[in-house]
Amino acid sequence: MELETAEAADPDVLRDRLPPAPGEWTRSADMTGTVEYRLPSGESPCTAAKLTVRPDVLGDGTVRVDKTVGCRGLGTDRYDDLDAVVAAADYELAHVLRGLGADRSRELTSRGDG
């Protein structure tokens, strides 16, 4: 019995389907289909957060998503469906922004500004 693997996503289709960068995120894309979202950090030489989405050329998925916070990798998720990876990217980008908003709100409250 032969194992079936998903075919890597078409780079042009992947770049076109992924969302724009919300809030303070930046988005860059290259010809290989790699789309990188970065959230800058004023406190670290690394980014506050990074989400890298690319065709899964060497793995068994269609698309792979690598998550990084600060200088630490949080792991890789693989998706076989472009709709699923678009939804996951939307969720992750918004989730981090919501977390930052909550952190900033707590900071202001603790200083007496809010």
Protein backbone atom coordinates (compact mmCIF):
# COMPACT_ATOMS: atom_id res chain seq x y z
CA MET A 1 0.00 0.00 0.00
CA GLU A 2 1.46 3.34 -1.07
CA LEU A 3 1.05 6.40 1.14
CA GLU A 4 -0.48 9.37 -0.63
CA THR A 5 0.88 12.83 0.00
CA ALA A 6 -0.73 16.13 -0.85
CA GLU A 7 0.76 18.22 -3.62
CA ALA A 8 2.42 21.46 -2.54
CA ALA A 9 0.34 24.58 -3.10
CA ASP A 10 0.90 26.66 -6.23
CA PRO A 11 3.05 29.63 -5.09
CA ASP A 12 1.06 32.25 -7.03
CA VAL A 13 -2.27 30.96 -5.73
CA LEU A 14 -1.00 30.83 -2.15
CA ARG A 15 0.34 34.42 -2.28
CA ASP A 16 -2.94 35.69 -3.75
CA ARG A 17 -5.22 33.87 -1.30
CA LEU A 18 -3.52 34.84 1.96
CA PRO A 19 -4.88 37.92 3.77
CA PRO A 20 -3.24 41.35 3.93
CA ALA A 21 -1.36 42.23 7.11
CA PRO A 22 -3.71 43.59 9.80
CA GLY A 23 -2.81 46.20 12.40
CA GLU A 24 0.92 46.52 13.06
CA TRP A 25 1.79 43.32 11.17
CA THR A 26 3.83 43.61 7.95
CA ARG A 27 3.55 41.16 5.05
CA SER A 28 6.20 40.18 2.52
CA ALA A 29 6.08 37.56 -0.20
CA ASP A 30 8.62 36.07 -2.56
CA MET A 31 8.52 34.14 -5.83
CA THR A 32 8.64 30.76 -4.05
CA GLY A 33 5.23 31.43 -2.52
CA THR A 34 6.62 32.10 0.95
CA VAL A 35 4.55 34.75 2.72
CA GLU A 36 5.96 36.12 5.94
CA TYR A 37 4.00 38.18 8.45
CA ARG A 38 6.11 40.05 11.02
CA LEU A 39 5.13 41.99 14.09
CA PRO A 40 8.00 44.27 15.19
CA SER A 41 9.29 44.34 18.75
CA GLY A 42 10.72 47.33 20.55
CA GLU A 43 12.07 45.09 23.32
CA SER A 44 13.82 42.28 21.45
CA PRO A 45 16.30 41.90 18.59
CA CYS A 46 13.80 39.39 17.20
CA THR A 47 10.29 40.13 16.05
CA ALA A 48 7.50 40.07 18.63
CA ALA A 49 5.82 37.44 16.46
CA LYS A 50 6.27 35.93 13.02
CA LEU A 51 4.03 33.72 10.90
CA THR A 52 5.64 32.12 7.85
CA VAL A 53 3.39 30.42 5.30
CA ARG A 54 4.89 28.46 2.40
CA PRO A 55 4.13 25.63 0.01
CA ASP A 56 5.01 22.34 1.74
CA VAL A 57 7.45 21.13 -0.91
CA LEU A 58 9.30 18.60 1.26
CA GLY A 59 6.52 17.57 3.65
CA ASP A 60 3.27 15.71 3.24
CA GLY A 61 0.92 18.71 3.31
CA THR A 62 -0.11 21.33 0.79
CA VAL A 63 0.98 24.30 2.93
CA ARG A 64 3.09 24.63 6.06
CA VAL A 65 2.82 27.39 8.66
CA ASP A 66 5.70 28.13 11.03
CA LYS A 67 4.94 30.19 14.15
CA THR A 68 7.57 32.19 16.06
CA VAL A 69 7.27 34.36 19.17
CA GLY A 70 10.28 36.45 20.05
CA CYS A 71 13.29 34.36 19.08
CA ARG A 72 11.58 31.02 19.79
CA GLY A 73 9.89 28.77 17.26
CA LEU A 74 6.52 27.48 18.42
CA GLY A 75 6.17 24.74 15.84
CA THR A 76 4.84 23.97 12.40
CA ASP A 77 1.32 23.18 11.25
CA ARG A 78 0.55 21.55 7.91
CA TYR A 79 -2.64 22.00 5.92
CA ASP A 80 -4.03 20.12 2.93
CA ASP A 81 -6.60 22.76 2.05
CA LEU A 82 -6.03 26.40 1.06
CA ASP A 83 -9.28 27.55 2.67
CA ALA A 84 -8.12 26.04 5.96
CA VAL A 85 -4.72 27.76 5.83
CA VAL A 86 -6.31 31.13 4.98
CA ALA A 87 -8.66 30.75 7.97
CA ALA A 88 -5.75 29.71 10.21
CA ALA A 89 -3.63 32.69 9.12
CA ASP A 90 -6.55 35.08 9.73
CA TYR A 91 -7.08 33.57 13.18
CA GLU A 92 -3.39 33.63 14.22
CA LEU A 93 -2.84 37.23 13.09
CA ALA A 94 -5.98 38.48 14.87
CA HIS A 95 -5.26 36.34 17.97
CA VAL A 96 -1.85 37.94 18.47
CA LEU A 97 -3.27 41.45 17.99
CA ARG A 98 -6.02 40.74 20.54
CA GLY A 99 -3.38 39.51 22.98
CA LEU A 100 -1.30 42.65 22.47
CA GLY A 101 -4.37 44.81 22.99
CA ALA A 102 -5.10 43.06 26.29
CA ASP A 103 -1.47 43.41 27.41
CA ARG A 104 -1.42 47.13 26.57
CA SER A 105 -4.73 47.65 28.34
CA ARG A 106 -3.37 45.94 31.49
CA GLU A 107 -0.21 48.10 31.29
CA LEU A 108 -2.23 51.32 31.14
CA THR A 109 -4.50 50.20 33.98
CA SER A 110 -1.56 49.24 36.20
CA ARG A 111 0.07 52.64 35.60
CA GLY A 112 -3.20 54.43 36.32
CA ASP A 113 -3.56 55.73 32.75
CA GLY A 114 -6.68 53.77 31.91
